[in-house]
């Protein structure tokens, strides 16, 4: 079958069907399942985010295609098992978007309700309709840990379980630091380390900062400065790894001063 003359989306669906053909398809593609494909789906979503962060529109086009392929792959596996097809996925999200925007697609009666409040109210209704029994139901387990911690905290805050201001989370962070220092066993230290990180997320959330975004920016800053230290050492014909910690710290301070001067 030559799919070249099909519209792009139909062509992609046809290609996936061909790859999954039980007789003449690709051995690797035929062997995949929802579970084996899920890690690739997550990876592709991160690569989309990376292209956005780098403002690389050419890469973004490619990465969005890779992510779309993951949706098509999952939908094809589901169609083969007679659960649903790609068209059902598209129809479901179209219906959901119209339902979540009654001020646009409805009679406009909710236009005066704050967007975030309206959105969360509608999502809460959807969760209740699906059988949710807890305010925390529906927070995906596969989310990055920092992002999931923030979402769990926000859900708890909606039903009143939250500090009134940043003072409480700050005190809690200090408490968790002390408990980590006092922990005596590896398991206890690991537990207290998790509590410390959870408390840190709560504190930055209290300041209106997204923990995942803040840490991503901090990672980028550390990488930029570390690479600059390595470059300074190389310019001085030195191996960075052979320098003492004091010498490395001196390079770190030099890089920070250089950044401030720019």
C-alpha atoms as a PDB file:
ATOM      1  CA  UNK A   1       0.000   0.000   0.000  1.00  0.00           C
ATOM      2  CA  UNK A   2       1.319   3.410  -1.013  1.00  0.00           C
ATOM      3  CA  UNK A   3       0.169   5.999   1.517  1.00  0.00           C
ATOM      4  CA  UNK A   4       2.055   8.958   0.031  1.00  0.00           C
ATOM      5  CA  UNK A   5      -1.060  10.512  -1.510  1.00  0.00           C
ATOM      6  CA  UNK A   6      -3.113  10.410   1.685  1.00  0.00           C
ATOM      7  CA  UNK A   7      -3.664  13.503   3.871  1.00  0.00           C
ATOM      8  CA  UNK A   8      -0.842  13.660   6.466  1.00  0.00           C
ATOM      9  CA  UNK A   9      -2.775  12.371   9.472  1.00  0.00           C
ATOM     10  CA  UNK A  10      -4.436   9.558   7.519  1.00  0.00           C
ATOM     11  CA  UNK A  11      -1.021   8.677   6.123  1.00  0.00           C
ATOM     12  CA  UNK A  12       0.454   8.424   9.615  1.00  0.00           C
ATOM     13  CA  UNK A  13      -2.417   6.202  10.783  1.00  0.00           C
ATOM     14  CA  UNK A  14      -1.962   3.986   7.723  1.00  0.00           C
ATOM     15  CA  UNK A  15       1.775   3.711   8.349  1.00  0.00           C
ATOM     16  CA  UNK A  16       1.183   2.638  11.956  1.00  0.00           C
ATOM     17  CA  UNK A  17      -1.378   0.056  10.837  1.00  0.00           C
ATOM     18  CA  UNK A  18       1.170  -1.309   8.362  1.00  0.00           C
ATOM     19  CA  UNK A  19       3.909  -1.446  10.994  1.00  0.00           C
ATOM     20  CA  UNK A  20       1.585  -3.341  13.352  1.00  0.00           C
ATOM     21  CA  UNK A  21       0.373  -5.779  10.699  1.00  0.00           C
ATOM     22  CA  UNK A  22       0.585  -9.236  12.312  1.00  0.00           C
ATOM     23  CA  UNK A  23       1.936 -10.843   9.141  1.00  0.00           C
ATOM     24  CA  UNK A  24       4.016  -8.296   7.248  1.00  0.00           C
ATOM     25  CA  UNK A  25       4.607  -5.588   9.856  1.00  0.00           C
ATOM     26  CA  UNK A  26       7.745  -4.634  11.773  1.00  0.00           C
ATOM     27  CA  UNK A  27       8.755  -7.197  14.401  1.00  0.00           C
ATOM     28  CA  UNK A  28       9.621  -4.501  16.972  1.00  0.00           C
ATOM     29  CA  UNK A  29       6.432  -2.493  16.463  1.00  0.00           C
ATOM     30  CA  UNK A  30       4.258  -5.605  16.639  1.00  0.00           C
ATOM     31  CA  UNK A  31       5.845  -6.607  19.955  1.00  0.00           C
ATOM     32  CA  UNK A  32       4.993  -3.352  21.747  1.00  0.00           C
ATOM     33  CA  UNK A  33       2.222  -2.806  24.299  1.00  0.00           C
ATOM     34  CA  UNK A  34       0.810   0.157  26.228  1.00  0.00           C
ATOM     35  CA  UNK A  35       3.311  -0.522  29.014  1.00  0.00           C
ATOM     36  CA  UNK A  36       6.385  -0.759  26.791  1.00  0.00           C
ATOM     37  CA  UNK A  37       5.467   2.360  24.810  1.00  0.00           C
ATOM     38  CA  UNK A  38       4.601   4.552  27.816  1.00  0.00           C
ATOM     39  CA  UNK A  39       8.257   5.390  28.692  1.00  0.00           C
ATOM     40  CA  UNK A  40       8.837   6.582  25.122  1.00  0.00           C
ATOM     41  CA  UNK A  41       5.709   8.738  25.354  1.00  0.00           C
ATOM     42  CA  UNK A  42       7.046  10.433  28.484  1.00  0.00           C
ATOM     43  CA  UNK A  43      10.480  10.872  26.884  1.00  0.00           C
ATOM     44  CA  UNK A  44       9.000  12.495  23.785  1.00  0.00           C
ATOM     45  CA  UNK A  45       6.966  14.912  25.918  1.00  0.00           C
ATOM     46  CA  UNK A  46      10.163  15.999  27.656  1.00  0.00           C
ATOM     47  CA  UNK A  47      11.883  16.466  24.300  1.00  0.00           C
ATOM     48  CA  UNK A  48       9.027  18.749  23.222  1.00  0.00           C
ATOM     49  CA  UNK A  49       9.544  20.772  26.408  1.00  0.00           C
ATOM     50  CA  UNK A  50      13.280  20.897  25.749  1.00  0.00           C
ATOM     51  CA  UNK A  51      12.778  22.234  22.214  1.00  0.00           C
ATOM     52  CA  UNK A  52      10.459  24.914  23.606  1.00  0.00           C
ATOM     53  CA  UNK A  53      13.003  25.860  26.275  1.00  0.00           C
ATOM     54  CA  UNK A  54      15.708  26.169  23.609  1.00  0.00           C
ATOM     55  CA  UNK A  55      13.337  28.138  21.352  1.00  0.00           C
ATOM     56  CA  UNK A  56      14.258  25.765  18.521  1.00  0.00           C
ATOM     57  CA  UNK A  57      11.183  25.773  16.292  1.00  0.00           C
ATOM     58  CA  UNK A  58      12.649  23.313  13.798  1.00  0.00           C
ATOM     59  CA  UNK A  59      13.286  20.830  16.594  1.00  0.00           C
ATOM     60  CA  UNK A  60       9.855  21.571  18.056  1.00  0.00           C
ATOM     61  CA  UNK A  61       8.194  20.560  14.784  1.00  0.00           C
ATOM     62  CA  UNK A  62      10.109  17.273  14.787  1.00  0.00           C
ATOM     63  CA  UNK A  63       9.485  16.573  18.479  1.00  0.00           C
ATOM     64  CA  UNK A  64       5.769  17.283  18.154  1.00  0.00           C
ATOM     65  CA  UNK A  65       5.701  14.729  15.348  1.00  0.00           C
ATOM     66  CA  UNK A  66       7.451  12.193  17.568  1.00  0.00           C
ATOM     67  CA  UNK A  67       4.925  12.868  20.332  1.00  0.00           C
ATOM     68  CA  UNK A  68       2.010  12.537  17.894  1.00  0.00           C
ATOM     69  CA  UNK A  69       3.417   9.178  16.822  1.00  0.00           C
ATOM     70  CA  UNK A  70       3.149   8.019  20.423  1.00  0.00           C
ATOM     71  CA  UNK A  71      -0.548   8.930  20.503  1.00  0.00           C
ATOM     72  CA  UNK A  72      -1.100   7.109  17.220  1.00  0.00           C
ATOM     73  CA  UNK A  73       0.824   4.084  18.531  1.00  0.00           C
ATOM     74  CA  UNK A  74      -1.272   3.809  21.700  1.00  0.00           C
ATOM     75  CA  UNK A  75      -4.483   4.322  19.751  1.00  0.00           C
ATOM     76  CA  UNK A  76      -3.535   1.601  17.256  1.00  0.00           C
ATOM     77  CA  UNK A  77      -2.860  -0.910  20.025  1.00  0.00           C
ATOM     78  CA  UNK A  78      -6.240  -0.036  21.558  1.00  0.00           C
ATOM     79  CA  UNK A  79      -8.007  -0.344  18.198  1.00  0.00           C
ATOM     80  CA  UNK A  80      -6.536  -3.802  17.612  1.00  0.00           C
ATOM     81  CA  UNK A  81      -7.929  -4.869  20.995  1.00  0.00           C
ATOM     82  CA  UNK A  82     -11.288  -3.260  20.066  1.00  0.00           C
ATOM     83  CA  UNK A  83     -11.188  -0.769  22.932  1.00  0.00           C
ATOM     84  CA  UNK A  84     -11.125   2.504  20.970  1.00  0.00           C
ATOM     85  CA  UNK A  85      -9.473   4.094  17.927  1.00  0.00           C
ATOM     86  CA  UNK A  86      -7.646   7.327  17.154  1.00  0.00           C
ATOM     87  CA  UNK A  87     -10.896   8.981  16.067  1.00  0.00           C
ATOM     88  CA  UNK A  88     -12.368   8.225  19.495  1.00  0.00           C
ATOM     89  CA  UNK A  89      -9.362   9.850  21.177  1.00  0.00           C
ATOM     90  CA  UNK A  90      -9.766  12.984  19.053  1.00  0.00           C
ATOM     91  CA  UNK A  91     -13.536  13.080  19.631  1.00  0.00           C
ATOM     92  CA  UNK A  92     -13.130  12.680  23.405  1.00  0.00           C
ATOM     93  CA  UNK A  93     -10.648  15.546  23.754  1.00  0.00           C
ATOM     94  CA  UNK A  94     -12.756  17.768  21.464  1.00  0.00           C
ATOM     95  CA  UNK A  95     -15.796  17.164  23.654  1.00  0.00           C
ATOM     96  CA  UNK A  96     -13.775  17.751  26.813  1.00  0.00           C
ATOM     97  CA  UNK A  97     -12.406  21.082  25.556  1.00  0.00           C
ATOM     98  CA  UNK A  98     -15.881  22.304  24.624  1.00  0.00           C
ATOM     99  CA  UNK A  99     -17.232  21.204  28.009  1.00  0.00           C
ATOM    100  CA  UNK A 100     -14.388  22.943  29.868  1.00  0.00           C
ATOM    101  CA  UNK A 101     -14.966  26.208  27.977  1.00  0.00           C
ATOM    102  CA  UNK A 102     -18.699  26.884  28.384  1.00  0.00           C
ATOM    103  CA  UNK A 103     -17.979  30.622  28.231  1.00  0.00           C
ATOM    104  CA  UNK A 104     -16.735  30.086  24.661  1.00  0.00           C
ATOM    105  CA  UNK A 105     -18.850  27.210  23.326  1.00  0.00           C
ATOM    106  CA  UNK A 106     -21.889  27.569  25.622  1.00  0.00           C
ATOM    107  CA  UNK A 107     -24.250  30.411  26.368  1.00  0.00           C
ATOM    108  CA  UNK A 108     -21.553  32.579  27.983  1.00  0.00           C
ATOM    109  CA  UNK A 109     -23.217  32.521  31.386  1.00  0.00           C
ATOM    110  CA  UNK A 110     -19.972  31.654  33.190  1.00  0.00           C
ATOM    111  CA  UNK A 111     -17.842  34.365  31.627  1.00  0.00           C
ATOM    112  CA  UNK A 112     -17.677  36.244  34.922  1.00  0.00           C
ATOM    113  CA  UNK A 113     -16.144  33.285  36.805  1.00  0.00           C
ATOM    114  CA  UNK A 114     -12.347  33.328  37.133  1.00  0.00           C
ATOM    115  CA  UNK A 115     -10.771  31.102  34.492  1.00  0.00           C
ATOM    116  CA  UNK A 116      -8.803  28.944  36.933  1.00  0.00           C
ATOM    117  CA  UNK A 117     -11.788  28.529  39.259  1.00  0.00           C
ATOM    118  CA  UNK A 118     -14.050  27.554  36.371  1.00  0.00           C
ATOM    119  CA  UNK A 119     -11.445  25.118  35.010  1.00  0.00           C
ATOM    120  CA  UNK A 120     -10.876  23.442  38.361  1.00  0.00           C
ATOM    121  CA  UNK A 121     -14.598  23.227  39.082  1.00  0.00           C
ATOM    122  CA  UNK A 122     -15.198  21.477  35.772  1.00  0.00           C
ATOM    123  CA  UNK A 123     -12.296  19.082  36.315  1.00  0.00           C
ATOM    124  CA  UNK A 124     -13.618  18.293  39.795  1.00  0.00           C
ATOM    125  CA  UNK A 125     -17.005  17.472  38.266  1.00  0.00           C
ATOM    126  CA  UNK A 126     -15.307  15.181  35.746  1.00  0.00           C
ATOM    127  CA  UNK A 127     -13.386  13.403  38.502  1.00  0.00           C
ATOM    128  CA  UNK A 128     -16.556  12.941  40.542  1.00  0.00           C
ATOM    129  CA  UNK A 129     -18.369  11.548  37.494  1.00  0.00           C
ATOM    130  CA  UNK A 130     -15.553   9.027  37.019  1.00  0.00           C
ATOM    131  CA  UNK A 131     -15.923   7.745  40.591  1.00  0.00           C
ATOM    132  CA  UNK A 132     -13.282   9.795  42.421  1.00  0.00           C
ATOM    133  CA  UNK A 133     -13.679   9.667  46.206  1.00  0.00           C
ATOM    134  CA  UNK A 134     -10.688  11.746  47.359  1.00  0.00           C
ATOM    135  CA  UNK A 135      -9.549  15.277  46.627  1.00  0.00           C
ATOM    136  CA  UNK A 136      -6.252  13.694  45.558  1.00  0.00           C
ATOM    137  CA  UNK A 137      -7.721  11.267  43.020  1.00  0.00           C
ATOM    138  CA  UNK A 138      -6.465  11.726  39.481  1.00  0.00           C
ATOM    139  CA  UNK A 139      -2.987  13.105  40.221  1.00  0.00           C
ATOM    140  CA  UNK A 140      -0.963  10.950  37.855  1.00  0.00           C
ATOM    141  CA  UNK A 141       1.670   8.691  39.414  1.00  0.00           C
ATOM    142  CA  UNK A 142       3.957   9.120  36.399  1.00  0.00           C
ATOM    143  CA  UNK A 143       4.390  12.882  36.884  1.00  0.00           C
ATOM    144  CA  UNK A 144       7.857  14.141  37.841  1.00  0.00           C
ATOM    145  CA  UNK A 145       8.108  13.998  41.631  1.00  0.00           C
ATOM    146  CA  UNK A 146       8.344  17.766  42.172  1.00  0.00           C
ATOM    147  CA  UNK A 147       5.387  18.463  39.908  1.00  0.00           C
ATOM    148  CA  UNK A 148       3.324  15.710  41.540  1.00  0.00           C
ATOM    149  CA  UNK A 149       4.144  17.020  45.022  1.00  0.00           C
ATOM    150  CA  UNK A 150       2.932  20.476  43.997  1.00  0.00           C
ATOM    151  CA  UNK A 151      -0.278  19.101  42.486  1.00  0.00           C
ATOM    152  CA  UNK A 152      -0.998  17.021  45.608  1.00  0.00           C
ATOM    153  CA  UNK A 153      -0.463  20.095  47.781  1.00  0.00           C
ATOM    154  CA  UNK A 154      -2.720  22.236  45.582  1.00  0.00           C
ATOM    155  CA  UNK A 155      -5.469  19.624  45.714  1.00  0.00           C
ATOM    156  CA  UNK A 156      -5.208  19.491  49.516  1.00  0.00           C
ATOM    157  CA  UNK A 157      -5.240  23.310  49.656  1.00  0.00           C
ATOM    158  CA  UNK A 158      -8.548  23.428  47.763  1.00  0.00           C
ATOM    159  CA  UNK A 159     -10.249  21.676  50.669  1.00  0.00           C
ATOM    160  CA  UNK A 160      -8.574  23.905  53.267  1.00  0.00           C
ATOM    161  CA  UNK A 161      -5.496  21.858  54.183  1.00  0.00           C
ATOM    162  CA  UNK A 162      -2.825  24.524  53.701  1.00  0.00           C
ATOM    163  CA  UNK A 163      -0.752  27.106  55.563  1.00  0.00           C
ATOM    164  CA  UNK A 164      -2.196  30.637  55.526  1.00  0.00           C
ATOM    165  CA  UNK A 165       1.171  32.197  54.589  1.00  0.00           C
ATOM    166  CA  UNK A 166       4.813  31.204  53.850  1.00  0.00           C
ATOM    167  CA  UNK A 167       5.819  31.282  57.535  1.00  0.00           C
ATOM    168  CA  UNK A 168       4.361  27.832  58.209  1.00  0.00           C
ATOM    169  CA  UNK A 169       6.091  26.107  55.280  1.00  0.00           C
ATOM    170  CA  UNK A 170       9.384  27.858  56.167  1.00  0.00           C
ATOM    171  CA  UNK A 171       9.215  26.573  59.746  1.00  0.00           C
ATOM    172  CA  UNK A 172       8.344  23.107  58.472  1.00  0.00           C
ATOM    173  CA  UNK A 173      11.381  23.135  56.173  1.00  0.00           C
ATOM    174  CA  UNK A 174      13.646  23.993  59.112  1.00  0.00           C
ATOM    175  CA  UNK A 175      12.050  21.167  61.102  1.00  0.00           C
ATOM    176  CA  UNK A 176      12.647  18.681  58.287  1.00  0.00           C
ATOM    177  CA  UNK A 177      16.296  19.749  57.978  1.00  0.00           C
ATOM    178  CA  UNK A 178      16.800  18.929  61.659  1.00  0.00           C
ATOM    179  CA  UNK A 179      15.030  15.578  61.315  1.00  0.00           C
ATOM    180  CA  UNK A 180      17.219  14.611  58.366  1.00  0.00           C
ATOM    181  CA  UNK A 181      20.343  15.506  60.352  1.00  0.00           C
ATOM    182  CA  UNK A 182      19.129  13.381  63.266  1.00  0.00           C
ATOM    183  CA  UNK A 183      18.187  10.312  61.210  1.00  0.00           C
ATOM    184  CA  UNK A 184      20.272   7.271  62.162  1.00  0.00           C
ATOM    185  CA  UNK A 185      19.635   4.646  59.457  1.00  0.00           C
ATOM    186  CA  UNK A 186      19.725   4.747  55.633  1.00  0.00           C
ATOM    187  CA  UNK A 187      15.979   4.062  55.422  1.00  0.00           C
ATOM    188  CA  UNK A 188      15.209   6.794  57.952  1.00  0.00           C
ATOM    189  CA  UNK A 189      17.470   9.268  56.152  1.00  0.00           C
ATOM    190  CA  UNK A 190      15.771   8.462  52.838  1.00  0.00           C
ATOM    191  CA  UNK A 191      12.362   9.030  54.412  1.00  0.00           C
ATOM    192  CA  UNK A 192      13.404  12.332  55.963  1.00  0.00           C
ATOM    193  CA  UNK A 193      15.035  13.432  52.707  1.00  0.00           C
ATOM    194  CA  UNK A 194      11.695  12.926  50.970  1.00  0.00           C
ATOM    195  CA  UNK A 195       9.921  14.922  53.676  1.00  0.00           C
ATOM    196  CA  UNK A 196      12.498  17.696  53.260  1.00  0.00           C
ATOM    197  CA  UNK A 197      11.963  17.893  49.502  1.00  0.00           C
ATOM    198  CA  UNK A 198       8.176  17.838  49.923  1.00  0.00           C
ATOM    199  CA  UNK A 199       8.435  20.683  52.441  1.00  0.00           C
ATOM    200  CA  UNK A 200      10.671  22.648  50.057  1.00  0.00           C
ATOM    201  CA  UNK A 201       8.051  22.315  47.309  1.00  0.00           C
ATOM    202  CA  UNK A 202       5.412  23.555  49.738  1.00  0.00           C
ATOM    203  CA  UNK A 203       7.495  26.595  50.635  1.00  0.00           C
ATOM    204  CA  UNK A 204       8.189  27.689  47.068  1.00  0.00           C
ATOM    205  CA  UNK A 205       4.514  27.046  46.215  1.00  0.00           C
ATOM    206  CA  UNK A 206       3.567  29.407  49.062  1.00  0.00           C
ATOM    207  CA  UNK A 207       5.625  32.060  47.279  1.00  0.00           C
ATOM    208  CA  UNK A 208       3.719  31.434  44.041  1.00  0.00           C
ATOM    209  CA  UNK A 209       6.641  29.661  42.360  1.00  0.00           C
ATOM    210  CA  UNK A 210       6.360  26.412  40.382  1.00  0.00           C
ATOM    211  CA  UNK A 211       8.940  24.058  41.905  1.00  0.00           C
ATOM    212  CA  UNK A 212       9.528  22.119  38.679  1.00  0.00           C
ATOM    213  CA  UNK A 213      10.220  25.327  36.722  1.00  0.00           C
ATOM    214  CA  UNK A 214      12.434  26.738  39.486  1.00  0.00           C
ATOM    215  CA  UNK A 215      14.555  23.602  39.716  1.00  0.00           C
ATOM    216  CA  UNK A 216      14.806  23.327  35.942  1.00  0.00           C
ATOM    217  CA  UNK A 217      16.155  26.903  35.853  1.00  0.00           C
ATOM    218  CA  UNK A 218      18.558  26.128  38.704  1.00  0.00           C
ATOM    219  CA  UNK A 219      19.802  23.054  36.842  1.00  0.00           C
ATOM    220  CA  UNK A 220      20.440  25.152  33.746  1.00  0.00           C
ATOM    221  CA  UNK A 221      22.286  27.787  35.790  1.00  0.00           C
ATOM    222  CA  UNK A 222      24.466  25.192  37.505  1.00  0.00           C
ATOM    223  CA  UNK A 223      25.313  23.523  34.197  1.00  0.00           C
ATOM    224  CA  UNK A 224      26.172  26.869  32.598  1.00  0.00           C
ATOM    225  CA  UNK A 225      28.430  27.875  35.484  1.00  0.00           C
ATOM    226  CA  UNK A 226      30.086  24.470  35.771  1.00  0.00           C
ATOM    227  CA  UNK A 227      30.930  24.429  32.064  1.00  0.00           C
ATOM    228  CA  UNK A 228      32.331  27.950  32.425  1.00  0.00           C
ATOM    229  CA  UNK A 229      34.568  26.753  35.288  1.00  0.00           C
ATOM    230  CA  UNK A 230      35.860  23.914  33.141  1.00  0.00           C
ATOM    231  CA  UNK A 231      36.575  26.397  30.340  1.00  0.00           C
ATOM    232  CA  UNK A 232      38.522  28.701  32.688  1.00  0.00           C
ATOM    233  CA  UNK A 233      40.597  25.783  33.920  1.00  0.00           C
ATOM    234  CA  UNK A 234      41.311  24.713  30.359  1.00  0.00           C
ATOM    235  CA  UNK A 235      42.382  28.247  29.438  1.00  0.00           C
ATOM    236  CA  UNK A 236      44.899  28.047  32.287  1.00  0.00           C
ATOM    237  CA  UNK A 237      46.154  24.661  31.014  1.00  0.00           C
ATOM    238  CA  UNK A 238      44.754  22.961  34.108  1.00  0.00           C
ATOM    239  CA  UNK A 239      42.639  19.866  34.555  1.00  0.00           C
ATOM    240  CA  UNK A 240      39.533  20.888  36.468  1.00  0.00           C
ATOM    241  CA  UNK A 241      39.339  17.490  38.175  1.00  0.00           C
ATOM    242  CA  UNK A 242      42.893  17.870  39.510  1.00  0.00           C
ATOM    243  CA  UNK A 243      42.170  21.188  41.254  1.00  0.00           C
ATOM    244  CA  UNK A 244      41.567  21.314  44.992  1.00  0.00           C
ATOM    245  CA  UNK A 245      38.095  22.131  46.256  1.00  0.00           C
ATOM    246  CA  UNK A 246      39.296  25.617  47.260  1.00  0.00           C
ATOM    247  CA  UNK A 247      40.655  26.202  43.754  1.00  0.00           C
ATOM    248  CA  UNK A 248      37.417  24.978  42.212  1.00  0.00           C
ATOM    249  CA  UNK A 249      35.432  27.257  44.526  1.00  0.00           C
ATOM    250  CA  UNK A 250      37.603  30.185  43.430  1.00  0.00           C
ATOM    251  CA  UNK A 251      36.696  29.433  39.809  1.00  0.00           C
ATOM    252  CA  UNK A 252      33.026  29.224  40.789  1.00  0.00           C
ATOM    253  CA  UNK A 253      33.184  32.683  42.357  1.00  0.00           C
ATOM    254  CA  UNK A 254      34.999  34.001  39.283  1.00  0.00           C
ATOM    255  CA  UNK A 255      32.240  32.718  37.025  1.00  0.00           C
ATOM    256  CA  UNK A 256      29.556  34.294  39.234  1.00  0.00           C
ATOM    257  CA  UNK A 257      31.369  37.644  39.168  1.00  0.00           C
ATOM    258  CA  UNK A 258      31.742  37.419  35.402  1.00  0.00           C
ATOM    259  CA  UNK A 259      28.008  36.765  34.978  1.00  0.00           C
ATOM    260  CA  UNK A 260      27.127  39.754  37.156  1.00  0.00           C
ATOM    261  CA  UNK A 261      29.381  42.010  35.127  1.00  0.00           C
ATOM    262  CA  UNK A 262      27.685  41.172  31.834  1.00  0.00           C
END
